[in-house]
N, C-alpha and C. Protein backbone atom coordinates (compact mmCIF):
# COMPACT_ATOMS: atom_id res chain seq x y z
N MET A 1 -58.60 -80.24 217.53
CA MET A 1 -59.42 -80.38 216.34
C MET A 1 -59.63 -81.88 216.09
N THR A 2 -60.88 -82.28 215.91
CA THR A 2 -61.17 -83.69 215.67
C THR A 2 -60.75 -84.10 214.26
N ASP A 3 -60.64 -85.42 214.06
CA ASP A 3 -60.26 -85.92 212.73
C ASP A 3 -61.26 -85.47 211.66
N ASP A 4 -62.56 -85.48 212.00
CA ASP A 4 -63.57 -85.03 211.04
C ASP A 4 -63.40 -83.56 210.69
N LEU A 5 -63.07 -82.76 211.69
CA LEU A 5 -62.87 -81.33 211.45
C LEU A 5 -61.61 -81.08 210.62
N VAL A 6 -60.57 -81.88 210.84
CA VAL A 6 -59.36 -81.77 210.02
C VAL A 6 -59.70 -82.06 208.57
N LEU A 7 -60.49 -83.10 208.33
CA LEU A 7 -60.88 -83.45 206.96
C LEU A 7 -61.73 -82.35 206.34
N LYS A 8 -62.71 -81.83 207.07
CA LYS A 8 -63.57 -80.76 206.55
C LYS A 8 -62.75 -79.50 206.25
N THR A 9 -61.85 -79.14 207.15
CA THR A 9 -61.01 -77.97 206.95
C THR A 9 -60.14 -78.14 205.72
N THR A 10 -59.57 -79.32 205.57
CA THR A 10 -58.73 -79.61 204.41
C THR A 10 -59.53 -79.49 203.12
N LEU A 11 -60.74 -80.01 203.12
CA LEU A 11 -61.58 -79.92 201.92
C LEU A 11 -61.95 -78.48 201.59
N GLU A 12 -62.16 -77.65 202.61
CA GLU A 12 -62.43 -76.23 202.38
C GLU A 12 -61.25 -75.57 201.68
N VAL A 13 -60.04 -75.90 202.13
CA VAL A 13 -58.83 -75.33 201.52
C VAL A 13 -58.69 -75.81 200.08
N VAL A 14 -58.89 -77.10 199.87
CA VAL A 14 -58.79 -77.66 198.51
C VAL A 14 -59.78 -76.96 197.58
N ASP A 15 -60.99 -76.75 198.05
CA ASP A 15 -62.00 -76.07 197.25
C ASP A 15 -61.59 -74.62 196.96
N ALA A 16 -61.10 -73.92 197.98
CA ALA A 16 -60.68 -72.53 197.81
C ALA A 16 -59.52 -72.39 196.83
N LYS A 17 -58.65 -73.40 196.80
CA LYS A 17 -57.48 -73.35 195.91
C LYS A 17 -57.74 -74.06 194.58
N LYS A 18 -58.98 -74.41 194.34
CA LYS A 18 -59.41 -75.01 193.07
C LYS A 18 -58.70 -76.33 192.78
N GLY A 19 -58.55 -77.17 193.83
CA GLY A 19 -58.01 -78.50 193.62
C GLY A 19 -58.94 -79.30 192.73
N ASP A 20 -58.37 -80.14 191.88
CA ASP A 20 -59.14 -80.87 190.89
C ASP A 20 -59.65 -82.20 191.44
N HIS A 21 -60.95 -82.37 191.40
CA HIS A 21 -61.63 -83.63 191.70
C HIS A 21 -61.11 -84.32 192.97
N PRO A 22 -61.36 -83.73 194.13
CA PRO A 22 -60.93 -84.39 195.37
C PRO A 22 -61.73 -85.67 195.61
N VAL A 23 -61.03 -86.71 196.05
CA VAL A 23 -61.64 -87.99 196.35
C VAL A 23 -61.16 -88.41 197.74
N ILE A 24 -62.11 -88.79 198.60
CA ILE A 24 -61.77 -89.28 199.92
C ILE A 24 -61.96 -90.79 199.93
N LEU A 25 -60.91 -91.50 200.33
CA LEU A 25 -60.97 -92.96 200.44
C LEU A 25 -60.96 -93.33 201.91
N ASP A 26 -61.98 -94.06 202.33
CA ASP A 26 -62.09 -94.53 203.70
C ASP A 26 -61.34 -95.85 203.81
N LEU A 27 -60.20 -95.83 204.48
CA LEU A 27 -59.33 -97.01 204.58
C LEU A 27 -59.46 -97.72 205.93
N ARG A 28 -60.40 -97.27 206.75
CA ARG A 28 -60.59 -97.93 208.05
C ARG A 28 -60.95 -99.39 207.83
N GLY A 29 -60.25 -100.26 208.53
CA GLY A 29 -60.48 -101.70 208.40
C GLY A 29 -59.79 -102.32 207.21
N ILE A 30 -59.16 -101.51 206.37
CA ILE A 30 -58.46 -102.01 205.18
C ILE A 30 -56.95 -101.85 205.33
N SER A 31 -56.54 -100.77 205.97
CA SER A 31 -55.12 -100.45 206.09
C SER A 31 -54.80 -100.01 207.51
N ILE A 32 -53.63 -100.38 207.97
CA ILE A 32 -53.17 -99.91 209.28
C ILE A 32 -52.40 -98.59 209.15
N LEU A 33 -52.18 -98.13 207.92
CA LEU A 33 -51.40 -96.92 207.69
C LEU A 33 -52.13 -95.65 208.10
N THR A 34 -53.42 -95.59 207.79
CA THR A 34 -54.19 -94.38 208.03
C THR A 34 -55.67 -94.72 207.95
N ASP A 35 -56.50 -93.78 208.36
CA ASP A 35 -57.95 -93.96 208.25
C ASP A 35 -58.48 -93.48 206.90
N TYR A 36 -57.90 -92.36 206.42
CA TYR A 36 -58.39 -91.77 205.18
C TYR A 36 -57.24 -91.33 204.28
N PHE A 37 -57.47 -91.45 202.99
CA PHE A 37 -56.64 -90.80 201.97
C PHE A 37 -57.52 -89.71 201.36
N LEU A 38 -56.93 -88.55 201.16
CA LEU A 38 -57.56 -87.53 200.33
C LEU A 38 -56.66 -87.40 199.11
N VAL A 39 -57.23 -87.65 197.94
CA VAL A 39 -56.48 -87.55 196.69
C VAL A 39 -57.06 -86.38 195.92
N VAL A 40 -56.18 -85.47 195.50
CA VAL A 40 -56.64 -84.28 194.78
C VAL A 40 -55.61 -83.93 193.71
N GLY A 41 -56.08 -83.38 192.61
CA GLY A 41 -55.20 -83.01 191.51
C GLY A 41 -54.87 -81.53 191.50
N GLY A 42 -53.70 -81.25 190.94
CA GLY A 42 -53.27 -79.88 190.69
C GLY A 42 -52.93 -79.74 189.21
N LEU A 43 -53.04 -78.55 188.69
CA LEU A 43 -52.81 -78.33 187.26
C LEU A 43 -51.35 -78.44 186.86
N ASN A 44 -50.46 -78.04 187.76
CA ASN A 44 -49.02 -78.05 187.49
C ASN A 44 -48.29 -78.04 188.83
N THR A 45 -46.96 -78.03 188.79
CA THR A 45 -46.19 -78.11 190.03
C THR A 45 -46.46 -76.91 190.96
N THR A 46 -46.65 -75.74 190.40
CA THR A 46 -46.94 -74.57 191.22
C THR A 46 -48.28 -74.73 191.91
N HIS A 47 -49.26 -75.21 191.20
CA HIS A 47 -50.60 -75.40 191.78
C HIS A 47 -50.56 -76.49 192.86
N VAL A 48 -49.84 -77.57 192.61
CA VAL A 48 -49.71 -78.64 193.60
C VAL A 48 -49.10 -78.10 194.89
N ARG A 49 -48.01 -77.35 194.77
CA ARG A 49 -47.36 -76.78 195.95
C ARG A 49 -48.25 -75.75 196.66
N THR A 50 -48.99 -74.98 195.89
CA THR A 50 -49.89 -73.97 196.46
C THR A 50 -50.97 -74.64 197.30
N ILE A 51 -51.54 -75.71 196.80
CA ILE A 51 -52.55 -76.45 197.57
C ILE A 51 -51.91 -77.01 198.84
N ALA A 52 -50.74 -77.62 198.71
CA ALA A 52 -50.05 -78.20 199.87
C ALA A 52 -49.74 -77.12 200.91
N ASP A 53 -49.23 -75.99 200.48
CA ASP A 53 -48.91 -74.89 201.40
C ASP A 53 -50.16 -74.40 202.13
N ALA A 54 -51.24 -74.25 201.39
CA ALA A 54 -52.47 -73.73 201.99
C ALA A 54 -53.03 -74.70 203.04
N ILE A 55 -53.00 -76.00 202.74
CA ILE A 55 -53.47 -77.00 203.71
C ILE A 55 -52.59 -76.96 204.96
N LYS A 56 -51.28 -77.00 204.74
CA LYS A 56 -50.34 -77.00 205.86
C LYS A 56 -50.51 -75.75 206.73
N ASP A 57 -50.60 -74.59 206.10
CA ASP A 57 -50.75 -73.33 206.84
C ASP A 57 -52.06 -73.30 207.63
N ARG A 58 -53.14 -73.73 207.01
CA ARG A 58 -54.45 -73.69 207.68
C ARG A 58 -54.49 -74.62 208.88
N LEU A 59 -53.94 -75.83 208.73
CA LEU A 59 -53.95 -76.77 209.85
C LEU A 59 -52.98 -76.33 210.95
N GLU A 60 -51.87 -75.71 210.57
CA GLU A 60 -50.93 -75.20 211.57
C GLU A 60 -51.57 -74.12 212.43
N GLU A 61 -52.52 -73.37 211.87
CA GLU A 61 -53.24 -72.35 212.65
C GLU A 61 -53.98 -72.99 213.83
N SER A 62 -54.32 -74.26 213.69
CA SER A 62 -55.00 -75.00 214.76
C SER A 62 -54.04 -75.86 215.56
N GLY A 63 -52.75 -75.67 215.33
CA GLY A 63 -51.73 -76.41 216.07
C GLY A 63 -51.48 -77.82 215.55
N ILE A 64 -51.92 -78.09 214.34
CA ILE A 64 -51.75 -79.43 213.77
C ILE A 64 -50.59 -79.41 212.78
N GLN A 65 -49.60 -80.24 213.07
CA GLN A 65 -48.40 -80.34 212.23
C GLN A 65 -48.40 -81.67 211.48
N PRO A 66 -47.96 -81.68 210.24
CA PRO A 66 -47.84 -82.97 209.55
C PRO A 66 -46.73 -83.81 210.16
N GLN A 67 -46.92 -85.11 210.18
CA GLN A 67 -45.86 -86.00 210.65
C GLN A 67 -44.73 -86.06 209.64
N ARG A 68 -45.09 -85.94 208.38
CA ARG A 68 -44.06 -85.88 207.35
C ARG A 68 -44.65 -85.27 206.09
N ILE A 69 -43.75 -84.74 205.28
CA ILE A 69 -44.09 -84.17 203.98
C ILE A 69 -43.11 -84.77 202.98
N GLU A 70 -43.63 -85.26 201.88
CA GLU A 70 -42.77 -85.82 200.84
C GLU A 70 -43.13 -85.23 199.49
N GLY A 71 -42.14 -85.09 198.62
CA GLY A 71 -42.36 -84.69 197.25
C GLY A 71 -42.53 -83.20 197.00
N TYR A 72 -42.38 -82.38 198.03
CA TYR A 72 -42.65 -80.95 197.88
C TYR A 72 -41.68 -80.30 196.89
N LYS A 73 -40.42 -80.65 196.98
CA LYS A 73 -39.41 -80.00 196.13
C LYS A 73 -39.74 -80.21 194.65
N GLU A 74 -40.11 -81.43 194.28
CA GLU A 74 -40.41 -81.73 192.89
C GLU A 74 -41.78 -81.18 192.49
N GLY A 75 -42.73 -81.23 193.42
CA GLY A 75 -44.05 -80.66 193.18
C GLY A 75 -44.93 -81.45 192.24
N ARG A 76 -44.57 -82.67 191.93
CA ARG A 76 -45.39 -83.50 191.04
C ARG A 76 -46.39 -84.33 191.84
N TRP A 77 -45.96 -84.73 193.05
CA TRP A 77 -46.82 -85.51 193.96
C TRP A 77 -46.38 -85.16 195.37
N VAL A 78 -47.18 -84.37 196.04
CA VAL A 78 -46.88 -83.98 197.41
C VAL A 78 -47.76 -84.81 198.34
N LEU A 79 -47.11 -85.40 199.34
CA LEU A 79 -47.81 -86.19 200.35
C LEU A 79 -47.69 -85.47 201.68
N LEU A 80 -48.83 -85.22 202.31
CA LEU A 80 -48.89 -84.63 203.65
C LEU A 80 -49.48 -85.69 204.57
N ASP A 81 -48.71 -86.13 205.55
CA ASP A 81 -49.14 -87.19 206.45
C ASP A 81 -49.56 -86.60 207.79
N TYR A 82 -50.86 -86.69 208.07
CA TYR A 82 -51.40 -86.22 209.34
C TYR A 82 -51.90 -87.41 210.17
N SER A 83 -51.25 -88.53 210.05
CA SER A 83 -51.56 -89.75 210.79
C SER A 83 -52.88 -90.37 210.35
N HIS A 84 -54.01 -89.84 210.82
CA HIS A 84 -55.30 -90.42 210.46
C HIS A 84 -55.77 -89.99 209.07
N LEU A 85 -55.12 -88.98 208.52
CA LEU A 85 -55.44 -88.48 207.18
C LEU A 85 -54.13 -88.29 206.42
N VAL A 86 -54.02 -88.95 205.28
CA VAL A 86 -52.87 -88.76 204.41
C VAL A 86 -53.38 -88.11 203.13
N ILE A 87 -52.79 -86.98 202.80
CA ILE A 87 -53.24 -86.18 201.67
C ILE A 87 -52.24 -86.35 200.53
N HIS A 88 -52.76 -86.72 199.35
CA HIS A 88 -51.96 -86.87 198.14
C HIS A 88 -52.41 -85.78 197.17
N ILE A 89 -51.50 -84.89 196.82
CA ILE A 89 -51.79 -83.84 195.85
C ILE A 89 -50.91 -84.11 194.64
N LEU A 90 -51.53 -84.45 193.53
CA LEU A 90 -50.79 -84.92 192.37
C LEU A 90 -51.04 -84.04 191.15
N ALA A 91 -49.97 -83.80 190.38
CA ALA A 91 -50.13 -83.18 189.08
C ALA A 91 -50.91 -84.17 188.20
N GLN A 92 -51.60 -83.67 187.20
CA GLN A 92 -52.51 -84.51 186.42
C GLN A 92 -51.83 -85.74 185.82
N GLU A 93 -50.64 -85.60 185.31
CA GLU A 93 -49.94 -86.73 184.70
C GLU A 93 -49.70 -87.84 185.71
N GLU A 94 -49.28 -87.48 186.92
CA GLU A 94 -49.05 -88.48 187.97
C GLU A 94 -50.37 -89.11 188.44
N ARG A 95 -51.38 -88.29 188.54
CA ARG A 95 -52.67 -88.83 188.97
C ARG A 95 -53.21 -89.83 187.95
N ASP A 96 -53.09 -89.50 186.69
CA ASP A 96 -53.54 -90.41 185.63
C ASP A 96 -52.72 -91.69 185.62
N PHE A 97 -51.42 -91.58 185.88
CA PHE A 97 -50.54 -92.75 185.82
C PHE A 97 -50.73 -93.68 187.03
N TYR A 98 -50.74 -93.11 188.24
CA TYR A 98 -50.78 -93.95 189.44
C TYR A 98 -52.19 -94.38 189.85
N ARG A 99 -53.18 -93.62 189.49
CA ARG A 99 -54.58 -93.97 189.75
C ARG A 99 -54.80 -94.55 191.15
N LEU A 100 -54.45 -93.78 192.15
CA LEU A 100 -54.57 -94.22 193.53
C LEU A 100 -55.98 -94.66 193.89
N GLU A 101 -56.95 -93.98 193.31
CA GLU A 101 -58.33 -94.33 193.60
C GLU A 101 -58.62 -95.79 193.22
N GLU A 102 -58.01 -96.26 192.15
CA GLU A 102 -58.21 -97.64 191.70
C GLU A 102 -57.33 -98.62 192.46
N LEU A 103 -56.16 -98.16 192.89
CA LEU A 103 -55.26 -99.02 193.65
C LEU A 103 -55.92 -99.48 194.95
N TRP A 104 -56.66 -98.59 195.57
CA TRP A 104 -57.36 -98.90 196.81
C TRP A 104 -58.84 -99.14 196.48
N HIS A 105 -59.10 -100.02 195.53
CA HIS A 105 -60.46 -100.24 195.03
C HIS A 105 -61.42 -100.77 196.09
N GLU A 106 -60.91 -101.42 197.13
CA GLU A 106 -61.80 -101.93 198.17
C GLU A 106 -62.21 -100.86 199.18
N ALA A 107 -61.61 -99.69 199.09
CA ALA A 107 -61.95 -98.58 199.99
C ALA A 107 -63.28 -97.95 199.60
N LYS A 108 -64.01 -97.55 200.62
CA LYS A 108 -65.25 -96.81 200.38
C LYS A 108 -64.88 -95.39 199.95
N VAL A 109 -65.53 -94.91 198.90
CA VAL A 109 -65.30 -93.55 198.44
C VAL A 109 -66.35 -92.66 199.10
N ILE A 110 -65.88 -91.61 199.76
CA ILE A 110 -66.77 -90.67 200.42
C ILE A 110 -66.80 -89.40 199.58
N GLU A 111 -68.00 -88.97 199.25
CA GLU A 111 -68.14 -87.72 198.50
C GLU A 111 -67.69 -86.57 199.38
N PRO A 112 -66.86 -85.67 198.84
CA PRO A 112 -66.38 -84.54 199.66
C PRO A 112 -67.50 -83.72 200.30
N SER A 113 -68.64 -83.63 199.65
CA SER A 113 -69.75 -82.86 200.23
C SER A 113 -70.35 -83.53 201.45
N LEU A 114 -70.09 -84.84 201.62
CA LEU A 114 -70.64 -85.58 202.77
C LEU A 114 -69.65 -85.69 203.92
N ALA A 115 -68.41 -85.29 203.71
CA ALA A 115 -67.37 -85.45 204.73
C ALA A 115 -67.56 -84.47 205.86
């Protein structure tokens, strides 16, 4: 599965699970950590974990495993690291507080419909 297809598949899952306001940050040329961040909100810890589980399960169907998962137990901010794509699923309070979209202000924002 290509990186673009991984991103599209992930966005389909986020949409199906009613993830709140997904934002894709293009970090190519800005960060050596990854090419893209996908930042999405969840209503509560159960919703955050549900989105994370659905993404993980869908990508595993294609043989794609995350390199690491962080924050799942707490469910306030789950990070799924797929090397070229790092997915941040945050409860609303954490998303409002950390404002990742603003932290990486030099990143190009890609509309999910264009990904």
